[in-house]
Amino acid sequence: MLHGLETSEHPRELLTEAWRCLGPGGRMMLMVPNRAGLWAASDRTPFGFGRSYTTGQIEAQMRRAGFQPDWHGSAIYIPPSDRRFWLRSAQFWERTGARISRVLIAGVIMVELSKHARAPVGPGVRIHVPSPLEILDGVARPRPQAAPTAREID
């Protein structure tokens, strides 16, 4: 989900719908603007609109929505500029930022989430374990074939 959460007028409902759409064990990648990043501070970037988050804020919001944060990372370490110097040195900034991310502040926070759904429990819930005969129901029993005659072999 990119540019979804920060621009949504109803982020809780958006996350509820994402939860509904994902199947059990489903995974989702979420990218949001980093509150401390330069990209969120500039109106000239796509991340300058809407809400920005810290890693702790986004993980807490995901947990409240029922998701389990599995991994988080950062990206876009290059300053928000269209100047040739910054664009040509973008790979350097990204590699350096990934190594020393505490010094360079990234533009976005990425979080990988998974949906862990609990199985229903209680006195009204019955568990049905099929027997092998039910699983094979409708499958004809194999019949031995007659041994080939000498004429069929040649």
C-alpha atoms as a PDB file:
ATOM      1  CA  MET A   1       0.000   0.000   0.000  1.00  0.00           C
ATOM      2  CA  LEU A   2       1.747   3.143  -1.244  1.00  0.00           C
ATOM      3  CA  HIS A   3       0.256   6.635  -0.707  1.00  0.00           C
ATOM      4  CA  GLY A   4      -2.830   4.978   0.751  1.00  0.00           C
ATOM      5  CA  LEU A   5      -2.564   5.375   4.470  1.00  0.00           C
ATOM      6  CA  GLU A   6      -1.087   8.877   4.590  1.00  0.00           C
ATOM      7  CA  THR A   7      -3.714  10.314   2.212  1.00  0.00           C
ATOM      8  CA  SER A   8      -6.741   8.476   3.577  1.00  0.00           C
ATOM      9  CA  GLU A   9      -9.337  10.501   5.445  1.00  0.00           C
ATOM     10  CA  HIS A  10     -10.288   7.337   7.339  1.00  0.00           C
ATOM     11  CA  PRO A  11      -7.109   5.320   7.974  1.00  0.00           C
ATOM     12  CA  ARG A  12      -8.754   2.971  10.498  1.00  0.00           C
ATOM     13  CA  GLU A  13     -11.436   1.961   7.981  1.00  0.00           C
ATOM     14  CA  LEU A  14      -8.793   1.544   5.260  1.00  0.00           C
ATOM     15  CA  LEU A  15      -6.849  -0.865   7.473  1.00  0.00           C
ATOM     16  CA  THR A  16     -10.067  -2.712   8.368  1.00  0.00           C
ATOM     17  CA  GLU A  17     -10.744  -3.222   4.663  1.00  0.00           C
ATOM     18  CA  ALA A  18      -7.154  -4.379   4.053  1.00  0.00           C
ATOM     19  CA  TRP A  19      -7.585  -6.878   6.910  1.00  0.00           C
ATOM     20  CA  ARG A  20     -10.851  -8.127   5.379  1.00  0.00           C
ATOM     21  CA  CYS A  21      -9.317  -8.576   1.917  1.00  0.00           C
ATOM     22  CA  LEU A  22      -6.259 -10.519   3.074  1.00  0.00           C
ATOM     23  CA  GLY A  23      -6.661 -14.216   3.702  1.00  0.00           C
ATOM     24  CA  PRO A  24      -5.254 -15.952   6.774  1.00  0.00           C
ATOM     25  CA  GLY A  25      -1.467 -15.715   6.625  1.00  0.00           C
ATOM     26  CA  GLY A  26      -1.733 -12.960   3.983  1.00  0.00           C
ATOM     27  CA  ARG A  27       1.101 -10.459   3.707  1.00  0.00           C
ATOM     28  CA  MET A  28       1.102  -6.766   2.884  1.00  0.00           C
ATOM     29  CA  MET A  29       3.843  -4.202   2.317  1.00  0.00           C
ATOM     30  CA  LEU A  30       3.112  -0.697   3.552  1.00  0.00           C
ATOM     31  CA  MET A  31       5.103   2.446   2.716  1.00  0.00           C
ATOM     32  CA  VAL A  32       4.486   5.724   4.543  1.00  0.00           C
ATOM     33  CA  PRO A  33       6.379   9.034   4.723  1.00  0.00           C
ATOM     34  CA  ASN A  34       8.937   9.240   7.505  1.00  0.00           C
ATOM     35  CA  ARG A  35       7.946  12.059   9.855  1.00  0.00           C
ATOM     36  CA  ALA A  36      11.593  13.054  10.368  1.00  0.00           C
ATOM     37  CA  GLY A  37      12.523  12.761   6.687  1.00  0.00           C
ATOM     38  CA  LEU A  38      13.147  15.576   4.236  1.00  0.00           C
ATOM     39  CA  TRP A  39      10.632  14.163   1.762  1.00  0.00           C
ATOM     40  CA  ALA A  40       7.708  14.646   4.170  1.00  0.00           C
ATOM     41  CA  ALA A  41       8.803  18.229   4.884  1.00  0.00           C
ATOM     42  CA  SER A  42       8.628  19.325   1.238  1.00  0.00           C
ATOM     43  CA  ASP A  43       5.351  20.061  -0.570  1.00  0.00           C
ATOM     44  CA  ARG A  44       7.082  19.380  -3.891  1.00  0.00           C
ATOM     45  CA  THR A  45       7.229  15.619  -3.262  1.00  0.00           C
ATOM     46  CA  PRO A  46       4.498  12.959  -3.240  1.00  0.00           C
ATOM     47  CA  PHE A  47       5.263  12.359   0.455  1.00  0.00           C
ATOM     48  CA  GLY A  48       4.674  15.991   1.427  1.00  0.00           C
ATOM     49  CA  PHE A  49       0.897  15.569   1.566  1.00  0.00           C
ATOM     50  CA  GLY A  50      -1.169  13.847   4.223  1.00  0.00           C
ATOM     51  CA  ARG A  51       0.072  12.253   7.427  1.00  0.00           C
ATOM     52  CA  SER A  52       3.637  11.190   8.097  1.00  0.00           C
ATOM     53  CA  TYR A  53       4.622   8.566  10.661  1.00  0.00           C
ATOM     54  CA  THR A  54       7.442   7.300  12.804  1.00  0.00           C
ATOM     55  CA  THR A  55       8.259   3.591  12.841  1.00  0.00           C
ATOM     56  CA  GLY A  56       6.766   3.208  16.314  1.00  0.00           C
ATOM     57  CA  GLN A  57       3.545   4.974  15.320  1.00  0.00           C
ATOM     58  CA  ILE A  58       2.966   2.889  12.221  1.00  0.00           C
ATOM     59  CA  GLU A  59       3.707  -0.404  13.980  1.00  0.00           C
ATOM     60  CA  ALA A  60       1.345   0.494  16.847  1.00  0.00           C
ATOM     61  CA  GLN A  61      -1.410   1.396  14.369  1.00  0.00           C
ATOM     62  CA  MET A  62      -0.898  -1.884  12.502  1.00  0.00           C
ATOM     63  CA  ARG A  63      -1.121  -3.901  15.720  1.00  0.00           C
ATOM     64  CA  ARG A  64      -4.386  -2.141  16.640  1.00  0.00           C
ATOM     65  CA  ALA A  65      -5.725  -3.125  13.217  1.00  0.00           C
ATOM     66  CA  GLY A  66      -4.827  -6.774  13.872  1.00  0.00           C
ATOM     67  CA  PHE A  67      -1.706  -7.032  11.727  1.00  0.00           C
ATOM     68  CA  GLN A  68       1.615  -8.428  12.895  1.00  0.00           C
ATOM     69  CA  PRO A  69       4.634  -6.330  11.793  1.00  0.00           C
ATOM     70  CA  ASP A  70       7.222  -8.827  10.496  1.00  0.00           C
ATOM     71  CA  TRP A  71       9.888  -6.479   9.157  1.00  0.00           C
ATOM     72  CA  HIS A  72      10.518  -2.763   8.828  1.00  0.00           C
ATOM     73  CA  GLY A  73      13.051  -0.774   6.873  1.00  0.00           C
ATOM     74  CA  SER A  74      13.694   2.581   5.244  1.00  0.00           C
ATOM     75  CA  ALA A  75      14.306   3.900   1.748  1.00  0.00           C
ATOM     76  CA  ILE A  76      14.835   7.098  -0.245  1.00  0.00           C
ATOM     77  CA  TYR A  77      17.892   8.617   1.382  1.00  0.00           C
ATOM     78  CA  ILE A  78      18.619  11.057  -1.436  1.00  0.00           C
ATOM     79  CA  PRO A  79      17.496  14.623  -0.674  1.00  0.00           C
ATOM     80  CA  PRO A  80      14.320  15.714  -2.502  1.00  0.00           C
ATOM     81  CA  SER A  81      15.871  17.610  -5.391  1.00  0.00           C
ATOM     82  CA  ASP A  82      15.847  17.474  -9.164  1.00  0.00           C
ATOM     83  CA  ARG A  83      19.367  18.852  -9.452  1.00  0.00           C
ATOM     84  CA  ARG A  84      21.721  16.824 -11.580  1.00  0.00           C
ATOM     85  CA  PHE A  85      24.297  16.288  -8.791  1.00  0.00           C
ATOM     86  CA  TRP A  86      21.746  14.655  -6.467  1.00  0.00           C
ATOM     87  CA  LEU A  87      20.201  12.552  -9.209  1.00  0.00           C
ATOM     88  CA  ARG A  88      23.576  11.253 -10.396  1.00  0.00           C
ATOM     89  CA  SER A  89      24.667  10.403  -6.865  1.00  0.00           C
ATOM     90  CA  ALA A  90      21.377   8.691  -5.921  1.00  0.00           C
ATOM     91  CA  GLN A  91      22.827   5.160  -5.837  1.00  0.00           C
ATOM     92  CA  PHE A  92      25.598   6.314  -3.515  1.00  0.00           C
ATOM     93  CA  TRP A  93      23.077   7.908  -1.113  1.00  0.00           C
ATOM     94  CA  GLU A  94      20.842   4.829  -1.100  1.00  0.00           C
ATOM     95  CA  ARG A  95      23.726   2.411  -0.406  1.00  0.00           C
ATOM     96  CA  THR A  96      25.174   4.675   2.268  1.00  0.00           C
ATOM     97  CA  GLY A  97      21.817   5.311   3.869  1.00  0.00           C
ATOM     98  CA  ALA A  98      21.027   1.616   4.097  1.00  0.00           C
ATOM     99  CA  ARG A  99      24.312   1.070   5.965  1.00  0.00           C
ATOM    100  CA  ILE A 100      24.150   4.005   8.370  1.00  0.00           C
ATOM    101  CA  SER A 101      20.459   4.768   8.557  1.00  0.00           C
ATOM    102  CA  ARG A 102      20.715   6.316  12.036  1.00  0.00           C
ATOM    103  CA  VAL A 103      22.744   9.193  10.588  1.00  0.00           C
ATOM    104  CA  LEU A 104      20.873   9.736   7.326  1.00  0.00           C
ATOM    105  CA  ILE A 105      17.121  10.070   7.666  1.00  0.00           C
ATOM    106  CA  ALA A 106      15.108   8.176   5.071  1.00  0.00           C
ATOM    107  CA  GLY A 107      12.144   9.580   3.187  1.00  0.00           C
ATOM    108  CA  VAL A 108       9.880   6.565   3.670  1.00  0.00           C
ATOM    109  CA  ILE A 109       9.308   3.818   6.189  1.00  0.00           C
ATOM    110  CA  MET A 110       8.473   0.376   4.836  1.00  0.00           C
ATOM    111  CA  VAL A 111       6.708  -2.220   6.964  1.00  0.00           C
ATOM    112  CA  GLU A 112       5.928  -5.795   5.982  1.00  0.00           C
ATOM    113  CA  LEU A 113       2.823  -7.055   7.742  1.00  0.00           C
ATOM    114  CA  SER A 114       1.076 -10.379   8.025  1.00  0.00           C
ATOM    115  CA  LYS A 115      -2.418 -11.344   9.009  1.00  0.00           C
ATOM    116  CA  HIS A 116      -2.621 -13.869  11.799  1.00  0.00           C
ATOM    117  CA  ALA A 117      -6.193 -15.073  12.193  1.00  0.00           C
ATOM    118  CA  ARG A 118      -7.092 -17.154  15.192  1.00  0.00           C
ATOM    119  CA  ALA A 119      -9.157 -20.271  14.767  1.00  0.00           C
ATOM    120  CA  PRO A 120     -12.636 -20.042  16.275  1.00  0.00           C
ATOM    121  CA  VAL A 121     -12.940 -21.811  19.626  1.00  0.00           C
ATOM    122  CA  GLY A 122     -15.787 -22.512  21.980  1.00  0.00           C
ATOM    123  CA  PRO A 123     -18.475 -25.041  22.765  1.00  0.00           C
ATOM    124  CA  GLY A 124     -20.402 -24.431  19.530  1.00  0.00           C
ATOM    125  CA  VAL A 125     -17.400 -24.958  17.246  1.00  0.00           C
ATOM    126  CA  ARG A 126     -16.930 -28.497  16.044  1.00  0.00           C
ATOM    127  CA  ILE A 127     -13.814 -29.805  14.399  1.00  0.00           C
ATOM    128  CA  HIS A 128     -14.379 -32.320  11.633  1.00  0.00           C
ATOM    129  CA  VAL A 129     -11.476 -34.579  10.760  1.00  0.00           C
ATOM    130  CA  PRO A 130     -12.373 -36.644   7.696  1.00  0.00           C
ATOM    131  CA  SER A 131     -11.571 -40.331   7.710  1.00  0.00           C
ATOM    132  CA  PRO A 132      -9.504 -41.765   4.841  1.00  0.00           C
ATOM    133  CA  LEU A 133     -12.637 -43.358   3.419  1.00  0.00           C
ATOM    134  CA  GLU A 134     -14.371 -39.966   3.186  1.00  0.00           C
ATOM    135  CA  ILE A 135     -11.400 -38.465   1.406  1.00  0.00           C
ATOM    136  CA  LEU A 136     -11.301 -41.257  -1.154  1.00  0.00           C
ATOM    137  CA  ASP A 137     -15.077 -41.380  -1.505  1.00  0.00           C
ATOM    138  CA  GLY A 138     -16.030 -41.641  -5.161  1.00  0.00           C
ATOM    139  CA  VAL A 139     -12.659 -42.943  -6.289  1.00  0.00           C
ATOM    140  CA  ALA A 140     -12.968 -46.402  -7.813  1.00  0.00           C
ATOM    141  CA  ARG A 141     -10.860 -49.144  -6.303  1.00  0.00           C
ATOM    142  CA  PRO A 142      -7.952 -50.169  -8.513  1.00  0.00           C
ATOM    143  CA  ARG A 143      -8.360 -53.507 -10.271  1.00  0.00           C
ATOM    144  CA  PRO A 144      -5.402 -55.692 -11.101  1.00  0.00           C
ATOM    145  CA  GLN A 145      -4.720 -56.018 -14.798  1.00  0.00           C
ATOM    146  CA  ALA A 146      -4.224 -59.376 -16.430  1.00  0.00           C
ATOM    147  CA  ALA A 147      -0.625 -60.252 -17.212  1.00  0.00           C
ATOM    148  CA  PRO A 148       0.264 -59.546 -20.853  1.00  0.00           C
ATOM    149  CA  THR A 149       0.414 -62.547 -23.155  1.00  0.00           C
ATOM    150  CA  ALA A 150       3.496 -63.423 -25.184  1.00  0.00           C
ATOM    151  CA  ARG A 151       1.810 -62.149 -28.355  1.00  0.00           C
ATOM    152  CA  GLU A 152       1.148 -58.684 -26.735  1.00  0.00           C
ATOM    153  CA  ILE A 153       4.784 -58.397 -25.601  1.00  0.00           C
ATOM    154  CA  ASP A 154       6.217 -58.920 -29.122  1.00  0.00           C
END
